N, C-alpha and C. Protein backbone atom coordinates (compact mmCIF):
# COMPACT_ATOMS: atom_id res chain seq x y z
N MET A 1 24.40 40.04 -28.15
CA MET A 1 23.91 39.13 -26.90
C MET A 1 25.00 39.49 -25.89
N GLY A 2 24.48 39.54 -24.75
CA GLY A 2 25.54 39.75 -23.38
C GLY A 2 25.60 38.36 -22.92
N LEU A 3 26.60 38.51 -21.72
CA LEU A 3 26.78 37.32 -21.06
C LEU A 3 25.88 36.95 -20.07
N ASP A 4 25.65 35.63 -19.88
CA ASP A 4 24.43 34.84 -18.98
C ASP A 4 25.30 33.92 -18.17
N PHE A 5 26.10 34.35 -17.29
CA PHE A 5 26.93 33.43 -16.50
C PHE A 5 25.95 32.81 -15.21
N ALA A 6 26.13 31.55 -14.83
CA ALA A 6 25.03 30.97 -14.19
C ALA A 6 25.92 29.90 -12.95
N TYR A 7 25.50 30.13 -11.72
CA TYR A 7 25.85 29.08 -10.87
C TYR A 7 24.81 28.16 -10.87
N VAL A 8 25.08 26.63 -10.71
CA VAL A 8 24.29 25.70 -10.88
C VAL A 8 24.53 24.70 -9.74
N VAL A 9 23.61 24.53 -8.90
CA VAL A 9 23.66 23.78 -7.65
C VAL A 9 22.96 22.42 -7.74
N VAL A 10 23.49 21.36 -7.59
CA VAL A 10 22.73 19.86 -7.83
C VAL A 10 22.53 19.25 -6.71
N VAL A 11 21.26 19.23 -6.19
CA VAL A 11 20.81 18.74 -4.77
C VAL A 11 19.73 17.78 -4.95
N PRO A 12 19.49 16.52 -3.99
CA PRO A 12 18.62 15.66 -4.07
C PRO A 12 17.34 16.44 -3.67
N PRO A 13 16.29 15.78 -4.13
CA PRO A 13 15.08 16.50 -4.03
C PRO A 13 14.65 16.78 -2.57
N GLU A 14 15.03 15.92 -1.67
CA GLU A 14 14.60 16.17 -0.38
C GLU A 14 15.34 17.19 0.35
N ARG A 15 16.39 17.79 -0.33
CA ARG A 15 17.20 19.00 0.36
C ARG A 15 16.93 20.23 -0.33
N ALA A 16 15.97 20.11 -1.24
CA ALA A 16 15.39 21.49 -2.11
C ALA A 16 15.00 22.56 -0.88
N ALA A 17 14.29 22.06 -0.04
CA ALA A 17 13.73 23.01 0.99
C ALA A 17 14.78 23.60 1.75
N ASP A 18 16.03 22.93 1.94
CA ASP A 18 17.17 23.65 2.60
C ASP A 18 17.54 24.72 1.75
N LEU A 19 17.81 24.50 0.57
CA LEU A 19 18.38 25.34 -0.43
C LEU A 19 17.35 26.63 -0.39
N LEU A 20 16.22 26.35 -0.79
CA LEU A 20 15.14 27.56 -0.76
C LEU A 20 15.05 28.22 0.43
N ARG A 21 15.18 27.60 1.74
CA ARG A 21 15.23 28.45 2.83
C ARG A 21 16.28 29.34 2.93
N HIS A 22 17.52 28.96 2.56
CA HIS A 22 18.78 29.60 2.57
C HIS A 22 18.68 30.89 1.52
N VAL A 23 18.19 30.72 0.23
CA VAL A 23 18.03 31.74 -0.65
C VAL A 23 16.94 32.58 -0.31
N ALA A 24 15.85 32.30 0.40
CA ALA A 24 14.83 33.09 1.01
C ALA A 24 15.45 34.05 1.97
N ALA A 25 16.44 33.61 2.95
CA ALA A 25 16.94 34.40 4.02
C ALA A 25 17.91 35.41 3.46
N ALA A 26 18.26 35.32 2.14
CA ALA A 26 19.23 36.18 1.73
C ALA A 26 18.62 37.20 0.62
N SER A 27 17.34 37.12 0.45
CA SER A 27 16.75 37.72 -0.46
C SER A 27 15.96 39.06 0.03
N ARG A 28 16.35 40.13 -1.02
CA ARG A 28 15.41 41.34 -0.56
C ARG A 28 14.10 41.28 -0.35
N ASP A 29 13.81 41.97 0.89
CA ASP A 29 12.30 42.02 0.96
C ASP A 29 11.49 43.10 -0.12
N GLY A 30 10.41 42.89 -0.21
CA GLY A 30 9.51 43.95 -0.79
C GLY A 30 9.36 43.85 -2.29
N LEU A 31 9.84 42.65 -2.84
CA LEU A 31 9.83 42.63 -4.20
C LEU A 31 8.66 41.66 -4.64
N GLY A 32 7.97 41.41 -3.96
CA GLY A 32 6.78 40.43 -4.39
C GLY A 32 6.69 39.22 -3.28
N GLU A 33 6.03 38.08 -3.70
CA GLU A 33 5.72 37.02 -2.88
C GLU A 33 5.51 35.72 -3.76
N THR A 34 6.53 34.79 -3.72
CA THR A 34 6.28 33.44 -4.36
C THR A 34 6.39 32.52 -3.44
N THR A 35 5.03 31.49 -3.65
CA THR A 35 5.13 30.24 -2.73
C THR A 35 5.74 28.91 -3.56
N THR A 36 6.50 28.31 -3.09
CA THR A 36 7.36 27.13 -3.63
C THR A 36 6.56 25.80 -2.75
N VAL A 37 6.00 24.99 -3.23
CA VAL A 37 5.58 23.61 -2.82
C VAL A 37 6.47 22.45 -3.28
N LEU A 38 6.99 21.80 -2.06
CA LEU A 38 7.99 21.03 -2.22
C LEU A 38 7.52 19.38 -1.95
N VAL A 39 8.41 18.44 -2.58
CA VAL A 39 8.16 17.01 -2.22
C VAL A 39 7.73 16.91 -0.64
N GLY A 40 6.42 16.27 -0.40
CA GLY A 40 6.12 16.00 0.82
C GLY A 40 5.03 17.16 1.27
N GLY A 41 5.05 18.32 0.39
CA GLY A 41 3.94 19.25 0.72
C GLY A 41 4.36 20.28 1.51
N GLU A 42 5.66 20.54 1.89
CA GLU A 42 6.24 21.69 2.56
C GLU A 42 6.01 22.82 1.63
N ARG A 43 5.83 24.10 2.26
CA ARG A 43 5.55 25.22 1.45
C ARG A 43 6.69 26.35 1.95
N ILE A 44 7.32 26.79 1.09
CA ILE A 44 8.22 28.00 1.52
C ILE A 44 7.80 29.14 0.70
N ASP A 45 7.81 30.32 1.45
CA ASP A 45 7.58 31.79 0.73
C ASP A 45 8.90 32.28 0.42
N LEU A 46 9.06 32.86 -0.82
CA LEU A 46 10.07 33.64 -1.03
C LEU A 46 9.77 35.21 -1.33
N PRO A 47 10.42 36.21 -0.81
CA PRO A 47 10.04 37.54 -1.08
C PRO A 47 10.63 37.88 -2.58
N CYS A 48 9.96 37.47 -3.55
CA CYS A 48 10.42 37.69 -4.77
C CYS A 48 8.96 37.44 -5.90
N THR A 49 9.34 37.96 -7.14
CA THR A 49 8.48 37.39 -8.12
C THR A 49 8.86 36.32 -8.90
N SER A 50 7.68 35.83 -9.76
CA SER A 50 8.16 34.73 -10.66
C SER A 50 7.79 35.06 -12.00
N GLY A 51 8.51 35.36 -13.01
CA GLY A 51 8.22 35.86 -14.23
C GLY A 51 7.76 37.21 -14.19
N TYR A 52 7.98 38.06 -13.15
CA TYR A 52 7.73 39.33 -12.92
C TYR A 52 6.38 39.57 -12.22
N VAL A 53 5.92 38.41 -11.85
CA VAL A 53 4.41 38.27 -11.38
C VAL A 53 4.41 37.94 -9.74
N SER A 54 3.75 38.67 -8.92
CA SER A 54 3.77 38.41 -7.65
C SER A 54 2.52 37.24 -7.33
N GLY A 55 2.69 36.55 -6.48
CA GLY A 55 1.50 35.70 -5.94
C GLY A 55 1.49 34.35 -6.48
N ARG A 56 2.49 34.01 -7.12
CA ARG A 56 2.36 32.85 -7.95
C ARG A 56 2.71 31.65 -6.91
N THR A 57 2.17 30.38 -7.15
CA THR A 57 2.74 29.16 -6.48
C THR A 57 3.24 27.99 -7.36
N LEU A 58 4.69 27.86 -7.15
CA LEU A 58 5.42 26.91 -7.93
C LEU A 58 5.56 25.51 -7.26
N VAL A 59 5.85 24.47 -8.02
CA VAL A 59 5.70 23.16 -7.44
C VAL A 59 7.01 22.51 -7.81
N VAL A 60 7.69 22.20 -6.70
CA VAL A 60 9.02 21.42 -6.99
C VAL A 60 8.83 20.00 -6.77
N ASP A 61 8.93 19.18 -7.76
CA ASP A 61 9.02 17.68 -7.50
C ASP A 61 10.21 16.91 -8.06
N ASP A 62 10.03 15.59 -7.91
CA ASP A 62 11.23 14.85 -8.28
C ASP A 62 11.04 14.20 -9.65
N SER A 63 10.17 14.49 -10.39
CA SER A 63 9.92 13.96 -11.73
C SER A 63 11.02 14.42 -12.62
N PRO A 64 11.37 13.53 -13.69
CA PRO A 64 12.30 13.85 -14.73
C PRO A 64 12.27 15.12 -15.53
N ARG A 65 11.09 15.73 -15.51
CA ARG A 65 10.79 16.87 -16.48
C ARG A 65 11.49 17.86 -16.23
N ARG A 66 11.62 18.82 -17.14
CA ARG A 66 12.40 20.08 -16.75
C ARG A 66 11.84 21.36 -15.76
N HIS A 67 10.59 21.29 -15.35
CA HIS A 67 10.25 22.30 -14.59
C HIS A 67 10.18 23.64 -15.12
N PRO A 68 9.37 23.71 -16.53
CA PRO A 68 9.64 25.02 -17.16
C PRO A 68 8.86 26.05 -16.71
N ASP A 69 8.03 25.92 -15.63
CA ASP A 69 7.16 26.95 -15.12
C ASP A 69 8.02 27.36 -13.77
N PHE A 70 9.13 26.84 -13.23
CA PHE A 70 9.69 27.29 -12.08
C PHE A 70 10.68 28.47 -12.56
N TRP A 71 10.44 29.63 -12.09
CA TRP A 71 11.20 30.65 -12.29
C TRP A 71 11.11 31.73 -11.16
N LEU A 72 12.08 32.11 -10.63
CA LEU A 72 12.39 32.92 -9.65
C LEU A 72 13.14 34.29 -9.97
N ASP A 73 12.71 35.54 -9.68
CA ASP A 73 13.31 36.79 -9.95
C ASP A 73 13.79 37.22 -8.75
N LEU A 74 15.17 37.09 -8.39
CA LEU A 74 15.82 37.20 -6.96
C LEU A 74 16.76 38.50 -7.02
N SER A 75 16.78 39.09 -5.82
CA SER A 75 17.61 39.98 -5.52
C SER A 75 18.29 39.50 -4.29
N LEU A 76 19.72 39.06 -4.26
CA LEU A 76 20.41 38.49 -3.31
C LEU A 76 21.41 39.34 -2.55
N ARG A 77 21.54 39.14 -1.11
CA ARG A 77 22.67 39.93 -0.44
C ARG A 77 23.82 38.88 -0.34
N PHE A 78 24.99 39.19 -0.78
CA PHE A 78 25.95 38.61 -0.69
C PHE A 78 27.08 39.13 0.39
N PRO A 79 28.13 38.27 0.85
CA PRO A 79 29.02 39.12 1.46
C PRO A 79 29.70 39.78 0.72
N VAL A 80 30.57 40.86 1.15
CA VAL A 80 30.95 41.88 0.37
C VAL A 80 32.62 41.97 0.26
N ASP A 81 33.33 41.74 -1.00
CA ASP A 81 34.43 41.83 -0.99
C ASP A 81 34.59 43.04 -1.89
N ASP A 82 35.86 43.24 -2.56
CA ASP A 82 36.13 44.44 -3.42
C ASP A 82 35.27 44.54 -4.66
N MET A 83 35.10 43.34 -5.14
CA MET A 83 34.39 43.17 -6.52
C MET A 83 32.89 43.64 -6.28
N VAL A 84 32.26 42.90 -5.16
CA VAL A 84 30.83 43.22 -4.88
C VAL A 84 30.77 44.81 -4.36
N ALA A 85 31.71 45.14 -3.60
CA ALA A 85 31.62 46.66 -3.23
C ALA A 85 31.85 47.63 -4.36
N ASP A 86 32.60 47.53 -5.45
CA ASP A 86 32.45 48.24 -6.66
C ASP A 86 31.15 48.23 -7.38
N TYR A 87 30.78 46.87 -7.52
CA TYR A 87 29.35 46.74 -8.10
C TYR A 87 28.10 47.44 -7.56
N LEU A 88 28.10 47.47 -5.98
CA LEU A 88 27.10 48.15 -5.42
C LEU A 88 27.32 49.58 -5.39
N ALA A 89 28.56 49.94 -5.59
CA ALA A 89 28.77 51.47 -5.53
C ALA A 89 28.15 51.97 -6.81
N ASP A 90 28.26 51.40 -7.73
CA ASP A 90 27.67 51.73 -9.16
C ASP A 90 26.14 51.50 -9.31
N SER A 91 25.62 50.95 -8.30
CA SER A 91 24.31 50.43 -8.45
C SER A 91 23.41 51.06 -7.13
N PRO A 92 23.14 52.47 -7.15
CA PRO A 92 22.45 53.12 -5.93
C PRO A 92 21.20 52.34 -5.44
N ARG A 93 20.53 51.96 -6.29
CA ARG A 93 19.14 51.36 -5.91
C ARG A 93 19.32 49.74 -5.51
N ALA A 94 20.56 49.23 -5.21
CA ALA A 94 20.86 47.94 -5.08
C ALA A 94 20.32 47.52 -3.62
N ASP A 95 20.48 48.58 -2.68
CA ASP A 95 20.27 48.43 -1.14
C ASP A 95 21.02 47.29 -0.79
N GLY A 96 22.35 47.09 -1.13
CA GLY A 96 23.11 46.17 -0.63
C GLY A 96 22.80 44.76 -1.38
N HIS A 97 21.85 44.72 -2.16
CA HIS A 97 21.43 43.43 -2.82
C HIS A 97 22.10 43.52 -4.39
N VAL A 98 22.15 42.24 -4.80
CA VAL A 98 22.62 42.01 -6.18
C VAL A 98 21.43 41.33 -6.89
N GLY A 99 20.85 41.94 -8.01
CA GLY A 99 19.74 41.55 -8.87
C GLY A 99 19.56 42.31 -10.05
N LEU A 100 18.72 41.86 -10.87
CA LEU A 100 18.05 40.49 -10.57
C LEU A 100 18.70 39.43 -10.95
N ILE A 101 18.55 38.20 -10.27
CA ILE A 101 19.12 37.04 -10.63
C ILE A 101 18.01 36.02 -11.02
N TYR A 102 18.05 35.45 -11.89
CA TYR A 102 17.21 34.45 -12.27
C TYR A 102 17.26 33.10 -11.90
N ALA A 103 16.47 32.62 -11.15
CA ALA A 103 16.54 30.93 -10.84
C ALA A 103 15.62 30.23 -11.45
N GLY A 104 16.21 29.08 -11.93
CA GLY A 104 15.48 28.19 -12.57
C GLY A 104 15.79 26.78 -12.09
N LEU A 105 14.96 25.64 -12.58
CA LEU A 105 15.01 24.43 -12.04
C LEU A 105 14.90 23.20 -13.19
N SER A 106 15.70 22.49 -13.08
CA SER A 106 15.76 21.37 -14.12
C SER A 106 16.02 19.95 -13.57
N ALA A 107 15.86 18.86 -14.30
CA ALA A 107 16.44 17.70 -13.76
C ALA A 107 17.97 17.42 -13.82
N ALA A 108 18.65 17.08 -13.20
CA ALA A 108 19.96 16.94 -13.03
C ALA A 108 20.66 15.57 -13.36
N ASP A 109 19.86 14.87 -14.29
CA ASP A 109 20.47 13.54 -14.62
C ASP A 109 21.72 13.48 -15.42
N TRP A 110 22.10 14.79 -16.01
CA TRP A 110 23.37 14.78 -16.51
C TRP A 110 24.39 14.68 -15.48
N CYS A 111 24.23 14.94 -14.24
CA CYS A 111 25.13 14.89 -13.22
C CYS A 111 24.95 13.79 -12.33
N LYS A 112 23.80 13.55 -11.80
CA LYS A 112 23.41 12.75 -10.81
C LYS A 112 21.95 12.35 -10.75
N ARG A 113 21.45 11.09 -11.16
CA ARG A 113 20.11 10.70 -11.46
C ARG A 113 19.31 11.04 -10.14
N GLY A 114 18.03 11.36 -10.60
CA GLY A 114 17.23 11.70 -9.31
C GLY A 114 17.25 12.97 -8.61
N HIS A 115 18.53 13.72 -8.94
CA HIS A 115 18.81 14.99 -8.37
C HIS A 115 18.11 16.09 -9.29
N LEU A 116 18.14 17.32 -8.54
CA LEU A 116 17.47 18.71 -9.19
C LEU A 116 18.73 19.68 -9.35
N ALA A 117 18.61 20.46 -10.61
CA ALA A 117 19.65 21.51 -10.66
C ALA A 117 18.99 22.79 -10.44
N PHE A 118 19.45 23.49 -9.54
CA PHE A 118 18.87 24.88 -9.45
C PHE A 118 20.00 25.59 -10.16
N SER A 119 19.61 26.66 -11.00
CA SER A 119 20.38 27.42 -11.74
C SER A 119 20.23 28.95 -11.21
N PHE A 120 21.26 29.74 -11.29
CA PHE A 120 21.15 31.13 -10.86
C PHE A 120 21.83 31.88 -11.85
N THR A 121 20.98 32.63 -12.55
CA THR A 121 21.77 33.13 -13.64
C THR A 121 21.70 34.75 -13.45
N ALA A 122 22.79 35.44 -13.80
CA ALA A 122 23.14 36.76 -13.80
C ALA A 122 22.26 37.44 -15.04
N ALA A 123 21.49 38.64 -14.67
CA ALA A 123 20.67 39.30 -15.78
C ALA A 123 21.44 40.09 -16.64
N THR A 124 22.67 40.32 -16.33
CA THR A 124 23.49 41.32 -17.21
C THR A 124 24.85 40.83 -17.37
N THR A 125 25.54 41.49 -18.40
CA THR A 125 27.01 41.22 -18.67
C THR A 125 27.61 41.60 -17.60
N ARG A 126 27.54 42.72 -16.95
CA ARG A 126 28.20 43.26 -15.80
C ARG A 126 28.11 42.27 -14.46
N MET A 127 26.85 41.72 -14.38
CA MET A 127 26.68 40.95 -13.10
C MET A 127 27.37 39.54 -13.51
N SER A 128 27.55 39.18 -14.73
CA SER A 128 28.17 37.92 -15.14
C SER A 128 29.46 37.75 -14.78
N VAL A 129 30.18 39.09 -15.08
CA VAL A 129 31.51 39.28 -14.68
C VAL A 129 31.66 39.35 -13.19
N LEU A 130 30.92 39.96 -12.52
CA LEU A 130 30.92 39.79 -11.00
C LEU A 130 30.79 38.57 -10.54
N PHE A 131 29.79 37.68 -11.14
CA PHE A 131 29.65 36.28 -10.72
C PHE A 131 30.91 35.44 -10.98
N ARG A 132 31.71 35.61 -11.99
CA ARG A 132 32.93 35.07 -12.18
C ARG A 132 34.03 35.46 -11.48
N ASP A 133 34.06 36.82 -10.99
CA ASP A 133 35.50 37.45 -10.42
C ASP A 133 35.23 37.46 -9.02
N SER A 134 34.17 37.49 -8.25
CA SER A 134 34.08 37.62 -7.05
C SER A 134 34.28 36.46 -6.13
N ALA A 135 35.22 36.41 -5.37
CA ALA A 135 35.44 35.12 -4.51
C ALA A 135 34.44 35.18 -3.37
N ALA A 136 33.79 36.32 -3.07
CA ALA A 136 32.63 36.41 -1.93
C ALA A 136 31.54 35.60 -2.62
N ILE A 137 31.07 36.01 -3.67
CA ILE A 137 29.95 35.41 -4.33
C ILE A 137 30.04 33.83 -4.53
N ARG A 138 31.34 33.44 -4.97
CA ARG A 138 31.74 32.16 -5.17
C ARG A 138 31.64 31.36 -3.94
N GLY A 139 32.14 31.89 -2.88
CA GLY A 139 32.10 31.26 -1.57
C GLY A 139 30.47 31.10 -1.08
N TRP A 140 29.82 32.14 -1.54
CA TRP A 140 28.38 32.06 -1.03
C TRP A 140 27.77 30.91 -1.45
N PHE A 141 27.92 30.89 -2.87
CA PHE A 141 27.33 29.61 -3.59
C PHE A 141 27.94 28.24 -3.22
N ALA A 142 29.22 28.31 -2.89
CA ALA A 142 29.77 26.91 -2.17
C ALA A 142 29.15 26.58 -0.96
N ASP A 143 28.99 27.74 -0.15
CA ASP A 143 28.37 27.46 1.18
C ASP A 143 27.01 26.93 0.97
N LEU A 144 26.18 27.56 0.00
CA LEU A 144 24.72 27.26 -0.16
C LEU A 144 24.75 25.74 -0.66
N ALA A 145 25.65 25.33 -1.36
CA ALA A 145 25.74 24.02 -1.91
C ALA A 145 26.07 22.98 -0.67
N ILE A 146 26.84 23.50 0.06
CA ILE A 146 27.34 22.40 1.17
C ILE A 146 26.09 22.53 2.05
N ARG A 147 25.58 23.32 2.57
CA ARG A 147 24.10 23.65 3.53
C ARG A 147 23.05 22.87 2.99
N SER A 148 23.02 22.64 1.58
CA SER A 148 22.00 22.09 0.96
C SER A 148 22.04 20.65 0.50
N GLY A 149 23.38 20.04 0.96
CA GLY A 149 23.71 18.63 0.77
C GLY A 149 23.93 18.33 -0.67
N ALA A 150 24.32 19.45 -1.40
CA ALA A 150 24.34 19.20 -2.87
C ALA A 150 25.66 18.36 -3.34
N ALA A 151 25.42 17.76 -4.33
CA ALA A 151 26.68 16.65 -4.76
C ALA A 151 27.70 17.85 -5.49
N VAL A 152 27.39 18.75 -6.31
CA VAL A 152 28.06 19.57 -7.16
C VAL A 152 27.68 21.05 -7.31
N CYS A 153 28.46 21.97 -7.47
CA CYS A 153 28.09 23.25 -7.60
C CYS A 153 29.11 23.60 -8.78
N LEU A 154 28.43 24.27 -9.66
CA LEU A 154 29.20 24.65 -10.84
C LEU A 154 29.14 25.92 -11.49
N LEU A 155 30.13 26.77 -11.97
CA LEU A 155 29.78 27.86 -12.69
C LEU A 155 29.92 27.87 -14.05
N ASP A 156 28.85 28.07 -14.72
CA ASP A 156 28.63 28.06 -16.29
C ASP A 156 28.90 29.59 -16.77
N VAL A 157 30.06 29.48 -17.52
CA VAL A 157 30.64 30.61 -18.24
C VAL A 157 30.34 30.67 -19.62
N GLU A 158 29.51 29.96 -20.12
CA GLU A 158 29.15 29.82 -21.44
C GLU A 158 30.38 29.54 -22.38
N GLU A 159 31.35 28.66 -21.86
CA GLU A 159 32.46 28.14 -22.70
C GLU A 159 32.07 26.62 -22.59
N GLU A 160 33.10 25.95 -23.13
CA GLU A 160 32.80 24.46 -23.34
C GLU A 160 33.25 23.91 -22.13
N ARG A 161 34.01 24.43 -21.11
CA ARG A 161 34.30 24.07 -19.92
C ARG A 161 33.84 24.72 -18.94
N ASP A 162 33.10 24.14 -17.84
CA ASP A 162 32.52 24.89 -16.54
C ASP A 162 33.65 24.97 -15.64
N TRP A 163 33.48 25.75 -14.56
CA TRP A 163 34.35 25.64 -13.45
C TRP A 163 33.57 25.05 -12.18
N LEU A 164 34.39 24.28 -11.66
CA LEU A 164 33.84 23.55 -10.52
C LEU A 164 34.01 24.36 -9.27
N VAL A 165 32.89 24.60 -8.37
CA VAL A 165 32.80 25.49 -7.39
C VAL A 165 32.78 24.71 -5.95
N MET A 166 32.22 23.55 -5.88
CA MET A 166 32.20 22.60 -4.97
C MET A 166 31.77 21.33 -5.35
N ALA A 167 32.46 20.39 -4.71
CA ALA A 167 32.15 18.85 -5.06
C ALA A 167 32.10 17.95 -3.70
N ASN A 168 31.11 17.50 -3.34
CA ASN A 168 30.91 16.71 -2.34
C ASN A 168 31.47 17.00 -1.03
N GLY A 169 31.01 18.44 -0.73
CA GLY A 169 31.37 19.12 0.61
C GLY A 169 32.68 19.98 0.68
N THR A 170 33.28 20.06 -0.63
CA THR A 170 34.68 20.54 -0.60
C THR A 170 34.73 21.65 -1.54
N PRO A 171 34.83 22.97 -1.06
CA PRO A 171 34.93 24.10 -1.77
C PRO A 171 36.06 24.04 -2.87
N THR A 172 36.13 24.58 -4.04
CA THR A 172 37.31 24.76 -4.87
C THR A 172 36.96 25.94 -5.95
N PHE A 173 37.98 26.07 -6.99
CA PHE A 173 37.60 26.89 -7.92
C PHE A 173 38.58 26.23 -9.06
N THR A 174 38.23 25.44 -9.88
CA THR A 174 38.90 24.72 -10.86
C THR A 174 38.35 24.63 -12.04
N GLN A 175 38.80 24.92 -13.09
CA GLN A 175 38.15 24.75 -14.58
C GLN A 175 38.20 23.23 -14.90
N LEU A 176 37.17 22.51 -15.36
CA LEU A 176 37.12 21.07 -15.60
C LEU A 176 37.79 21.08 -17.07
N SER A 177 38.47 20.06 -17.28
CA SER A 177 39.28 19.83 -18.60
C SER A 177 38.35 19.28 -19.58
N TRP A 178 37.04 18.79 -19.32
CA TRP A 178 36.36 18.11 -20.28
C TRP A 178 35.29 19.10 -20.61
N SER A 179 34.56 18.89 -21.63
CA SER A 179 33.35 19.67 -22.11
C SER A 179 32.26 18.94 -22.10
N HIS A 180 31.24 19.24 -20.85
CA HIS A 180 29.91 18.89 -20.97
C HIS A 180 29.98 17.34 -20.98
N ASN A 181 30.72 16.59 -20.17
CA ASN A 181 31.10 15.13 -20.31
C ASN A 181 30.23 14.62 -19.26
N TYR A 182 29.10 13.63 -19.87
CA TYR A 182 28.20 13.04 -19.04
C TYR A 182 28.91 12.06 -17.97
N LEU A 183 29.74 11.29 -18.25
CA LEU A 183 30.58 10.32 -17.32
C LEU A 183 31.33 11.15 -16.35
N GLY A 184 32.01 12.40 -16.81
CA GLY A 184 32.69 13.10 -15.91
C GLY A 184 31.86 13.62 -14.84
N TYR A 185 30.78 14.10 -15.06
CA TYR A 185 29.92 15.13 -14.13
C TYR A 185 29.61 13.85 -13.12
N HIS A 186 29.01 12.63 -13.70
CA HIS A 186 28.71 11.67 -12.78
C HIS A 186 30.03 11.23 -11.69
N GLY A 187 31.12 11.15 -12.27
CA GLY A 187 32.21 11.02 -11.64
C GLY A 187 32.41 11.83 -10.38
N LEU A 188 32.12 13.03 -10.85
CA LEU A 188 32.19 14.18 -9.62
C LEU A 188 31.19 14.09 -8.51
N ALA A 189 30.07 13.87 -9.08
CA ALA A 189 28.97 13.66 -8.10
C ALA A 189 29.08 12.13 -7.21
N ALA A 190 29.82 11.26 -7.83
CA ALA A 190 30.11 10.03 -7.03
C ALA A 190 31.05 10.11 -5.91
N GLY A 191 31.72 11.29 -6.05
CA GLY A 191 32.77 11.40 -4.83
C GLY A 191 34.33 11.56 -5.24
N ASP A 192 34.75 11.44 -6.62
CA ASP A 192 36.05 11.37 -7.08
C ASP A 192 36.30 12.62 -8.01
N PRO A 193 36.49 13.70 -7.48
CA PRO A 193 36.43 15.14 -8.19
C PRO A 193 37.91 15.29 -8.91
N LEU A 194 38.82 14.41 -8.87
CA LEU A 194 40.04 14.48 -9.50
C LEU A 194 40.09 14.47 -11.03
N PRO A 195 39.46 13.19 -11.54
CA PRO A 195 39.54 12.98 -13.12
C PRO A 195 38.89 14.27 -13.72
N GLY A 196 39.31 14.75 -14.70
CA GLY A 196 38.62 15.88 -15.45
C GLY A 196 38.95 17.07 -15.02
N LEU A 197 39.86 17.37 -13.98
CA LEU A 197 40.22 18.69 -13.43
C LEU A 197 41.49 19.05 -14.02
N VAL A 198 41.73 20.39 -14.37
CA VAL A 198 42.97 21.20 -14.66
C VAL A 198 43.60 21.19 -13.41
N LEU A 199 44.57 20.93 -13.29
CA LEU A 199 45.30 20.93 -11.93
C LEU A 199 46.58 21.85 -11.85
């Protein structure tokens, strides 16, 4: 089994449209088309497939269920630092984009009730290492979280402790000192990022 590192962005349902618009703007064209229907009926088209199929329509709602049918196959353009440049140099077909990145959706009650968790999972071990080590990609996801009104952005590196990338508008890169702690995540989302951090 390889590594499957993922960025997780926790947003209120009414800001899901902002997140998806930013993702669409960074997506590589020509890979297909998927339509998302959001709370209130707004529709956003993304240039990607869903489950490797083009033409699907996915619903984003604020129900407590997991959204098992929501899946985007993305190829995203990130700012280029040395890590991204090295990755792209060895990926001649990348066309300046990193992919595939698999975006899923679930309820985020583990962090903040009524919020949604958008996860962006690297498809390969090499891409997972890039997710962990590239400050440019980390900054892109922190900015995505801020622009989308997210409470929290995390990097899940398949260990007991996640890395905090953004909390309540403040970018950071700090490993949490607790393991998947319900009260700890709620504390972060409530606006006090200090408890539970390794300083």
